[in-house]
Amino acid sequence: METTAYKDEIFSKRVRAGKRTYFFDVKATKSEKDFYITITESKKVGETEFQKHKIFLYKEDFEKFADALAEAVDYVHDELGKNPDEGAAVVQDTVDEDEVVAAPVVA
């Protein structure tokens, strides 16, 4: 069987957020005719141990997923906007082109 680049990840984006790291990976299906996205949360739970949770997202669900995520994020922003002193704010600091680090801000 011939090995092609599609067998590996097509695209990967890492987002570091405190003790967690999120991975957004585009992968090819077995037939190599289509793509899907995996979203992985990796959390360090020991010296060398990580706990991982993964979501598989298929292209027919991309728009519904993106809409629901945007709606949830907008809701949180709207609620924090009403009570700016309540809840933890998050500051994003760009480390380089491939990473974004989020850290809680303590008032």
C-alpha atoms as a PDB file:
ATOM      1  CA  MET A   1       0.000   0.000   0.000  1.00  0.00           C
ATOM      2  CA  GLU A   2       1.332   3.429  -0.978  1.00  0.00           C
ATOM      3  CA  THR A   3       1.810   5.994   1.787  1.00  0.00           C
ATOM      4  CA  THR A   4       0.764   9.544   0.990  1.00  0.00           C
ATOM      5  CA  ALA A   5       0.914  12.823   2.873  1.00  0.00           C
ATOM      6  CA  TYR A   6      -2.837  12.468   3.520  1.00  0.00           C
ATOM      7  CA  LYS A   7      -2.162   9.657   5.994  1.00  0.00           C
ATOM      8  CA  ASP A   8      -0.655  12.218   8.361  1.00  0.00           C
ATOM      9  CA  GLU A   9      -2.191  15.363   9.726  1.00  0.00           C
ATOM     10  CA  ILE A  10      -2.898  17.878   6.984  1.00  0.00           C
ATOM     11  CA  PHE A  11      -2.929  20.884   9.329  1.00  0.00           C
ATOM     12  CA  SER A  12      -2.353  21.358  13.048  1.00  0.00           C
ATOM     13  CA  LYS A  13      -2.798  24.352  15.354  1.00  0.00           C
ATOM     14  CA  ARG A  14      -1.747  24.306  19.022  1.00  0.00           C
ATOM     15  CA  VAL A  15      -3.239  26.670  21.602  1.00  0.00           C
ATOM     16  CA  ARG A  16      -1.662  26.734  25.053  1.00  0.00           C
ATOM     17  CA  ALA A  17      -3.950  27.845  27.874  1.00  0.00           C
ATOM     18  CA  GLY A  18      -2.484  27.523  31.350  1.00  0.00           C
ATOM     19  CA  LYS A  19      -2.278  23.840  32.329  1.00  0.00           C
ATOM     20  CA  ARG A  20      -4.181  22.821  29.211  1.00  0.00           C
ATOM     21  CA  THR A  21      -3.185  22.629  25.569  1.00  0.00           C
ATOM     22  CA  TYR A  22      -5.704  22.419  22.767  1.00  0.00           C
ATOM     23  CA  PHE A  23      -4.916  20.894  19.378  1.00  0.00           C
ATOM     24  CA  PHE A  24      -6.962  21.548  16.243  1.00  0.00           C
ATOM     25  CA  ASP A  25      -5.948  18.948  13.642  1.00  0.00           C
ATOM     26  CA  VAL A  26      -7.206  18.431  10.109  1.00  0.00           C
ATOM     27  CA  LYS A  27      -6.935  14.803   8.997  1.00  0.00           C
ATOM     28  CA  ALA A  28      -7.888  12.817   5.904  1.00  0.00           C
ATOM     29  CA  THR A  29     -10.457  10.044   5.928  1.00  0.00           C
ATOM     30  CA  LYS A  30      -9.297   6.502   5.123  1.00  0.00           C
ATOM     31  CA  SER A  31     -10.371   6.959   1.525  1.00  0.00           C
ATOM     32  CA  GLU A  32      -8.281  10.148   1.423  1.00  0.00           C
ATOM     33  CA  LYS A  33     -11.146  11.851  -0.399  1.00  0.00           C
ATOM     34  CA  ASP A  34     -12.416  13.907   2.503  1.00  0.00           C
ATOM     35  CA  PHE A  35     -11.221  15.666   5.648  1.00  0.00           C
ATOM     36  CA  TYR A  36     -12.347  15.969   9.244  1.00  0.00           C
ATOM     37  CA  ILE A  37     -11.170  17.915  12.300  1.00  0.00           C
ATOM     38  CA  THR A  38     -10.145  16.577  15.674  1.00  0.00           C
ATOM     39  CA  ILE A  39     -10.120  18.895  18.667  1.00  0.00           C
ATOM     40  CA  THR A  40      -8.014  17.553  21.520  1.00  0.00           C
ATOM     41  CA  GLU A  41      -7.710  18.919  25.043  1.00  0.00           C
ATOM     42  CA  SER A  42      -4.528  17.774  26.760  1.00  0.00           C
ATOM     43  CA  LYS A  43      -4.095  18.438  30.479  1.00  0.00           C
ATOM     44  CA  LYS A  44      -1.017  17.570  32.521  1.00  0.00           C
ATOM     45  CA  VAL A  45      -2.089  15.462  35.509  1.00  0.00           C
ATOM     46  CA  GLY A  46       1.251  14.202  36.735  1.00  0.00           C
ATOM     47  CA  GLU A  47       4.965  14.593  36.247  1.00  0.00           C
ATOM     48  CA  THR A  48       4.854  12.943  32.816  1.00  0.00           C
ATOM     49  CA  GLU A  49       1.171  11.963  32.517  1.00  0.00           C
ATOM     50  CA  PHE A  50      -1.430  13.740  30.391  1.00  0.00           C
ATOM     51  CA  GLN A  51      -5.198  13.359  30.287  1.00  0.00           C
ATOM     52  CA  LYS A  52      -6.639  13.789  26.793  1.00  0.00           C
ATOM     53  CA  HIS A  53     -10.156  14.329  25.517  1.00  0.00           C
ATOM     54  CA  LYS A  54     -10.897  14.315  21.801  1.00  0.00           C
ATOM     55  CA  ILE A  55     -13.802  15.468  19.626  1.00  0.00           C
ATOM     56  CA  PHE A  56     -14.171  14.366  16.005  1.00  0.00           C
ATOM     57  CA  LEU A  57     -15.884  16.957  13.851  1.00  0.00           C
ATOM     58  CA  TYR A  58     -17.041  16.070  10.346  1.00  0.00           C
ATOM     59  CA  LYS A  59     -17.506  18.629   7.573  1.00  0.00           C
ATOM     60  CA  GLU A  60     -21.285  18.307   7.466  1.00  0.00           C
ATOM     61  CA  ASP A  61     -21.302  19.607  11.056  1.00  0.00           C
ATOM     62  CA  PHE A  62     -18.706  22.426  10.701  1.00  0.00           C
ATOM     63  CA  GLU A  63     -21.209  25.252  10.257  1.00  0.00           C
ATOM     64  CA  LYS A  64     -23.538  24.129  13.070  1.00  0.00           C
ATOM     65  CA  PHE A  65     -20.560  23.652  15.396  1.00  0.00           C
ATOM     66  CA  ALA A  66     -19.030  27.056  14.510  1.00  0.00           C
ATOM     67  CA  ASP A  67     -22.413  28.789  14.952  1.00  0.00           C
ATOM     68  CA  ALA A  68     -23.008  27.180  18.353  1.00  0.00           C
ATOM     69  CA  LEU A  69     -19.473  27.989  19.521  1.00  0.00           C
ATOM     70  CA  ALA A  70     -19.797  31.618  18.395  1.00  0.00           C
ATOM     71  CA  GLU A  71     -23.171  31.891  20.142  1.00  0.00           C
ATOM     72  CA  ALA A  72     -21.755  30.480  23.389  1.00  0.00           C
ATOM     73  CA  VAL A  73     -18.720  32.809  23.240  1.00  0.00           C
ATOM     74  CA  ASP A  74     -20.969  35.816  22.521  1.00  0.00           C
ATOM     75  CA  TYR A  75     -23.170  34.863  25.481  1.00  0.00           C
ATOM     76  CA  VAL A  76     -20.180  34.735  27.824  1.00  0.00           C
ATOM     77  CA  HIS A  77     -18.865  38.077  26.515  1.00  0.00           C
ATOM     78  CA  ASP A  78     -22.318  39.654  26.919  1.00  0.00           C
ATOM     79  CA  GLU A  79     -22.703  38.327  30.471  1.00  0.00           C
ATOM     80  CA  LEU A  80     -19.217  39.484  31.492  1.00  0.00           C
ATOM     81  CA  GLY A  81     -19.964  42.854  29.928  1.00  0.00           C
ATOM     82  CA  LYS A  82     -22.960  43.275  32.241  1.00  0.00           C
ATOM     83  CA  ASN A  83     -20.890  42.518  35.367  1.00  0.00           C
ATOM     84  CA  PRO A  84     -17.260  43.388  34.543  1.00  0.00           C
ATOM     85  CA  ASP A  85     -16.098  42.883  38.146  1.00  0.00           C
ATOM     86  CA  GLU A  86     -17.463  39.335  38.331  1.00  0.00           C
ATOM     87  CA  GLY A  87     -15.722  36.323  36.856  1.00  0.00           C
ATOM     88  CA  ALA A  88     -12.148  35.931  35.688  1.00  0.00           C
ATOM     89  CA  ALA A  89     -10.974  37.860  32.673  1.00  0.00           C
ATOM     90  CA  VAL A  90      -8.611  36.225  30.219  1.00  0.00           C
ATOM     91  CA  VAL A  91      -5.733  37.976  28.486  1.00  0.00           C
ATOM     92  CA  GLN A  92      -4.314  36.509  25.300  1.00  0.00           C
ATOM     93  CA  ASP A  93      -0.644  37.059  24.614  1.00  0.00           C
ATOM     94  CA  THR A  94       0.738  36.065  21.243  1.00  0.00           C
ATOM     95  CA  VAL A  95       3.901  34.002  21.722  1.00  0.00           C
ATOM     96  CA  ASP A  96       4.610  33.419  18.033  1.00  0.00           C
ATOM     97  CA  GLU A  97       2.616  32.851  14.881  1.00  0.00           C
ATOM     98  CA  ASP A  98       1.632  29.305  15.908  1.00  0.00           C
ATOM     99  CA  GLU A  99       0.807  29.712  19.584  1.00  0.00           C
ATOM    100  CA  VAL A 100      -1.577  31.786  21.691  1.00  0.00           C
ATOM    101  CA  VAL A 101      -1.236  31.658  25.465  1.00  0.00           C
ATOM    102  CA  ALA A 102      -4.212  32.535  27.648  1.00  0.00           C
ATOM    103  CA  ALA A 103      -3.728  33.415  31.288  1.00  0.00           C
ATOM    104  CA  PRO A 104      -6.294  34.446  33.913  1.00  0.00           C
ATOM    105  CA  VAL A 105      -6.071  38.014  35.123  1.00  0.00           C
ATOM    106  CA  VAL A 106      -6.384  38.582  38.863  1.00  0.00           C
ATOM    107  CA  ALA A 107      -7.854  41.963  39.784  1.00  0.00           C
END
